[in-house]
């Protein structure tokens, strides 16, 4: 889909043109208001699952804990590497 402005009768009008193969609107231009009104109506009809926020929160919490665990492991490995370097320098 591409958007463009066309000049008709000394005024600019916004259009969308569709390029998807198999689409009945392929190659045709549709007025911006028509397309955006249809899309807004479609969005109003959509409903999210009840527990979507709870699932997303749990997912991000798990990812956060994994990241913290990875950082803790990395931090510990760096401390060991520093201690090893210090002992090499002292000897």
N, C-alpha and C. Protein backbone atom coordinates (compact mmCIF):
# COMPACT_ATOMS: atom_id res chain seq x y z
N UNK A 1 0.86 -1.16 0.00
CA UNK A 1 0.00 0.00 0.00
C UNK A 1 0.91 1.23 0.00
N UNK A 2 0.52 2.20 -0.77
CA UNK A 2 1.27 3.45 -0.84
C UNK A 2 0.29 4.61 -0.70
N UNK A 3 0.76 5.68 -0.11
CA UNK A 3 -0.08 6.86 0.05
C UNK A 3 0.49 7.98 -0.81
N UNK A 4 -0.39 8.79 -1.35
CA UNK A 4 0.07 9.92 -2.14
C UNK A 4 -1.00 10.99 -2.17
N UNK A 5 -0.58 12.17 -2.58
CA UNK A 5 -1.48 13.29 -2.73
C UNK A 5 -1.70 13.54 -4.23
N UNK A 6 -2.93 13.75 -4.63
CA UNK A 6 -3.24 14.07 -6.02
C UNK A 6 -3.91 15.44 -6.06
N UNK A 7 -3.65 16.14 -7.12
CA UNK A 7 -4.24 17.47 -7.26
C UNK A 7 -5.42 17.36 -8.23
N UNK A 8 -6.59 17.73 -7.73
CA UNK A 8 -7.80 17.74 -8.55
C UNK A 8 -8.52 19.05 -8.32
N UNK A 9 -8.84 19.70 -9.39
CA UNK A 9 -9.63 20.94 -9.32
C UNK A 9 -9.03 21.93 -8.32
N UNK A 10 -7.75 22.15 -8.43
CA UNK A 10 -7.05 23.12 -7.58
C UNK A 10 -7.05 22.76 -6.09
N UNK A 11 -7.25 21.51 -5.75
CA UNK A 11 -7.14 21.09 -4.36
C UNK A 11 -6.38 19.77 -4.30
N UNK A 12 -5.72 19.52 -3.18
CA UNK A 12 -4.98 18.28 -3.01
C UNK A 12 -5.84 17.28 -2.25
N UNK A 13 -5.86 16.06 -2.75
CA UNK A 13 -6.64 14.99 -2.12
C UNK A 13 -5.70 13.83 -1.81
N UNK A 14 -5.88 13.22 -0.66
CA UNK A 14 -5.04 12.10 -0.24
C UNK A 14 -5.66 10.78 -0.68
N UNK A 15 -4.81 9.88 -1.20
CA UNK A 15 -5.27 8.57 -1.65
C UNK A 15 -4.31 7.50 -1.17
N UNK A 16 -4.82 6.28 -1.11
CA UNK A 16 -4.01 5.09 -0.88
C UNK A 16 -4.15 4.23 -2.12
N UNK A 17 -3.02 3.58 -2.53
CA UNK A 17 -3.08 2.66 -3.64
C UNK A 17 -2.56 1.32 -3.16
N UNK A 18 -3.23 0.26 -3.56
CA UNK A 18 -2.92 -1.09 -3.08
C UNK A 18 -2.17 -1.87 -4.15
N UNK A 19 -1.15 -2.65 -3.74
CA UNK A 19 -0.32 -3.38 -4.68
C UNK A 19 -0.29 -4.88 -4.42
N UNK A 20 -0.97 -5.37 -3.42
CA UNK A 20 -0.91 -6.80 -3.07
C UNK A 20 -1.59 -7.65 -4.14
N UNK A 21 -0.87 -8.67 -4.59
CA UNK A 21 -1.44 -9.57 -5.58
C UNK A 21 -2.62 -10.31 -4.99
N UNK A 22 -3.65 -10.46 -5.77
CA UNK A 22 -4.83 -11.18 -5.32
C UNK A 22 -5.84 -10.29 -4.61
N UNK A 23 -5.47 -9.08 -4.31
CA UNK A 23 -6.38 -8.15 -3.65
C UNK A 23 -7.34 -7.58 -4.68
N UNK A 24 -8.61 -7.52 -4.34
CA UNK A 24 -9.60 -6.99 -5.27
C UNK A 24 -9.40 -5.50 -5.54
N UNK A 25 -8.69 -4.81 -4.64
CA UNK A 25 -8.45 -3.38 -4.78
C UNK A 25 -7.09 -3.08 -5.42
N UNK A 26 -6.39 -4.13 -5.89
CA UNK A 26 -5.04 -3.95 -6.44
C UNK A 26 -5.06 -2.99 -7.63
N UNK A 27 -4.14 -2.02 -7.56
CA UNK A 27 -4.02 -1.07 -8.65
C UNK A 27 -5.03 0.06 -8.60
N UNK A 28 -5.94 -0.01 -7.67
CA UNK A 28 -6.97 1.02 -7.56
C UNK A 28 -6.59 2.02 -6.47
N UNK A 29 -7.04 3.23 -6.62
CA UNK A 29 -6.81 4.26 -5.62
C UNK A 29 -8.07 4.42 -4.78
N UNK A 30 -7.88 4.51 -3.48
CA UNK A 30 -9.01 4.71 -2.57
C UNK A 30 -8.75 5.99 -1.77
N UNK A 31 -9.79 6.74 -1.56
CA UNK A 31 -9.67 7.99 -0.81
C UNK A 31 -9.22 7.71 0.62
N UNK A 32 -8.39 8.58 1.13
CA UNK A 32 -7.84 8.40 2.48
C UNK A 32 -8.94 8.30 3.52
N UNK A 33 -9.95 9.14 3.43
CA UNK A 33 -11.02 9.11 4.43
C UNK A 33 -11.73 7.77 4.46
N UNK A 34 -11.95 7.18 3.30
CA UNK A 34 -12.63 5.89 3.22
C UNK A 34 -11.80 4.80 3.89
N UNK A 35 -10.52 4.76 3.57
CA UNK A 35 -9.63 3.72 4.12
C UNK A 35 -9.46 3.90 5.62
N UNK A 36 -9.20 5.13 6.06
CA UNK A 36 -8.96 5.36 7.48
C UNK A 36 -10.22 5.17 8.31
N UNK A 37 -11.38 5.52 7.79
CA UNK A 37 -12.64 5.28 8.50
C UNK A 37 -12.87 3.79 8.68
N UNK A 38 -12.62 3.01 7.61
CA UNK A 38 -12.77 1.56 7.70
C UNK A 38 -11.80 0.98 8.73
N UNK A 39 -10.54 1.44 8.73
CA UNK A 39 -9.54 0.95 9.67
C UNK A 39 -9.91 1.29 11.11
N UNK A 40 -10.39 2.50 11.34
CA UNK A 40 -10.80 2.90 12.69
C UNK A 40 -11.96 2.04 13.18
N UNK A 41 -12.92 1.74 12.29
CA UNK A 41 -14.04 0.88 12.67
C UNK A 41 -13.54 -0.52 13.02
N UNK A 42 -12.58 -1.00 12.25
CA UNK A 42 -12.00 -2.31 12.51
C UNK A 42 -11.30 -2.33 13.87
N UNK A 43 -10.56 -1.28 14.18
CA UNK A 43 -9.89 -1.20 15.48
C UNK A 43 -10.88 -1.15 16.64
N UNK A 44 -11.98 -0.45 16.45
CA UNK A 44 -12.99 -0.37 17.52
C UNK A 44 -13.61 -1.73 17.81
N UNK A 45 -13.69 -2.58 16.80
CA UNK A 45 -14.29 -3.91 16.98
C UNK A 45 -13.35 -4.87 17.69
N UNK A 46 -12.06 -4.60 17.63
CA UNK A 46 -11.09 -5.51 18.21
C UNK A 46 -11.12 -5.44 19.74
N UNK A 47 -11.00 -6.58 20.35
CA UNK A 47 -10.94 -6.67 21.81
C UNK A 47 -9.76 -7.54 22.20
N UNK A 48 -9.04 -7.11 23.20
CA UNK A 48 -7.90 -7.90 23.66
C UNK A 48 -8.39 -8.94 24.67
N UNK A 49 -7.64 -10.04 24.78
CA UNK A 49 -8.00 -11.05 25.78
C UNK A 49 -7.95 -10.44 27.18
N UNK A 50 -8.73 -10.99 28.07
CA UNK A 50 -8.83 -10.45 29.43
C UNK A 50 -7.51 -10.45 30.16
N UNK A 51 -6.75 -11.52 30.00
CA UNK A 51 -5.52 -11.65 30.78
C UNK A 51 -4.29 -11.23 29.98
N UNK A 52 -4.46 -10.43 28.96
CA UNK A 52 -3.33 -10.01 28.13
C UNK A 52 -2.30 -9.23 28.94
N UNK A 53 -2.74 -8.31 29.76
CA UNK A 53 -1.81 -7.51 30.55
C UNK A 53 -1.08 -8.39 31.56
N UNK A 54 -1.78 -9.31 32.17
CA UNK A 54 -1.14 -10.21 33.15
C UNK A 54 -0.10 -11.09 32.46
N UNK A 55 -0.42 -11.59 31.26
CA UNK A 55 0.53 -12.41 30.52
C UNK A 55 1.75 -11.61 30.11
N UNK A 56 1.52 -10.42 29.61
CA UNK A 56 2.64 -9.56 29.19
C UNK A 56 3.53 -9.21 30.38
N UNK A 57 2.91 -8.91 31.52
CA UNK A 57 3.68 -8.58 32.73
C UNK A 57 4.53 -9.76 33.15
N UNK A 58 3.95 -10.96 33.13
CA UNK A 58 4.70 -12.16 33.52
C UNK A 58 5.84 -12.42 32.53
N UNK A 59 5.59 -12.22 31.26
CA UNK A 59 6.63 -12.41 30.25
C UNK A 59 7.79 -11.46 30.47
N UNK A 60 7.50 -10.18 30.66
CA UNK A 60 8.56 -9.21 30.88
C UNK A 60 9.28 -9.45 32.19
N UNK A 61 8.57 -9.88 33.21
CA UNK A 61 9.22 -10.18 34.49
C UNK A 61 10.20 -11.34 34.32
N UNK A 62 9.78 -12.39 33.60
CA UNK A 62 10.67 -13.53 33.35
C UNK A 62 11.91 -13.09 32.56
N UNK A 63 11.69 -12.29 31.54
CA UNK A 63 12.82 -11.81 30.75
C UNK A 63 13.76 -10.95 31.59
N UNK A 64 13.19 -10.14 32.44
CA UNK A 64 13.99 -9.28 33.32
C UNK A 64 14.84 -10.12 34.26
N UNK A 65 14.24 -11.16 34.83
CA UNK A 65 14.96 -12.03 35.75
C UNK A 65 16.06 -12.80 35.03
N UNK A 66 15.77 -13.24 33.80
CA UNK A 66 16.81 -13.92 33.01
C UNK A 66 17.98 -12.98 32.75
N UNK A 67 17.66 -11.77 32.38
CA UNK A 67 18.70 -10.78 32.09
C UNK A 67 19.53 -10.48 33.34
N UNK A 68 18.84 -10.34 34.47
CA UNK A 68 19.56 -10.10 35.73
C UNK A 68 20.47 -11.27 36.07
N UNK A 69 19.98 -12.49 35.86
CA UNK A 69 20.81 -13.67 36.13
C UNK A 69 22.02 -13.71 35.22
N UNK A 70 21.82 -13.40 33.94
CA UNK A 70 22.92 -13.37 32.99
C UNK A 70 23.94 -12.31 33.38
N UNK A 71 23.45 -11.14 33.79
CA UNK A 71 24.36 -10.07 34.20
C UNK A 71 25.14 -10.44 35.46
N UNK A 72 24.46 -11.11 36.39
CA UNK A 72 25.15 -11.54 37.61
C UNK A 72 26.25 -12.54 37.27
N UNK A 73 25.97 -13.48 36.39
CA UNK A 73 26.98 -14.46 35.97
C UNK A 73 28.15 -13.77 35.28
N UNK A 74 27.83 -12.83 34.42
CA UNK A 74 28.88 -12.10 33.70
C UNK A 74 29.73 -11.27 34.66
N UNK A 75 29.07 -10.61 35.61
CA UNK A 75 29.78 -9.80 36.59
C UNK A 75 30.74 -10.69 37.41
N UNK A 76 30.27 -11.85 37.82
CA UNK A 76 31.09 -12.77 38.60
C UNK A 76 32.28 -13.26 37.77
N UNK A 77 32.05 -13.56 36.50
CA UNK A 77 33.14 -14.00 35.63
C UNK A 77 34.18 -12.89 35.45
N UNK A 78 33.72 -11.66 35.34
CA UNK A 78 34.66 -10.54 35.21
C UNK A 78 35.46 -10.34 36.49
N UNK A 79 34.84 -10.50 37.63
CA UNK A 79 35.56 -10.39 38.90
C UNK A 79 36.65 -11.45 39.00
N UNK A 80 36.32 -12.68 38.59
CA UNK A 80 37.31 -13.76 38.63
C UNK A 80 38.45 -13.46 37.67
N UNK A 81 38.11 -12.93 36.50
CA UNK A 81 39.16 -12.60 35.52
C UNK A 81 40.06 -11.50 36.05
N UNK A 82 39.49 -10.52 36.72
CA UNK A 82 40.30 -9.43 37.30
C UNK A 82 41.21 -9.97 38.40
N UNK A 83 40.65 -10.84 39.27
CA UNK A 83 41.48 -11.43 40.33
C UNK A 83 42.62 -12.24 39.74
N UNK A 84 42.34 -12.98 38.67
CA UNK A 84 43.38 -13.77 38.02
C UNK A 84 44.46 -12.87 37.44
N UNK A 85 44.09 -11.78 36.83
CA UNK A 85 45.06 -10.83 36.27
C UNK A 85 45.89 -10.18 37.37
N UNK A 86 45.23 -9.85 38.48
CA UNK A 86 45.94 -9.23 39.59
C UNK A 86 46.96 -10.21 40.16
N UNK A 87 46.59 -11.47 40.32
CA UNK A 87 47.55 -12.46 40.85
C UNK A 87 48.70 -12.68 39.87
N UNK A 88 48.44 -12.63 38.58
CA UNK A 88 49.51 -12.77 37.59
C UNK A 88 50.47 -11.59 37.66
N UNK A 89 49.91 -10.39 37.85
CA UNK A 89 50.75 -9.20 37.93
C UNK A 89 51.61 -9.19 39.20
N UNK A 90 51.10 -9.73 40.29
CA UNK A 90 51.83 -9.73 41.57
C UNK A 90 52.94 -10.76 41.57
N UNK A 91 52.81 -11.79 40.76
CA UNK A 91 53.83 -12.84 40.81
C UNK A 91 54.89 -12.67 39.75
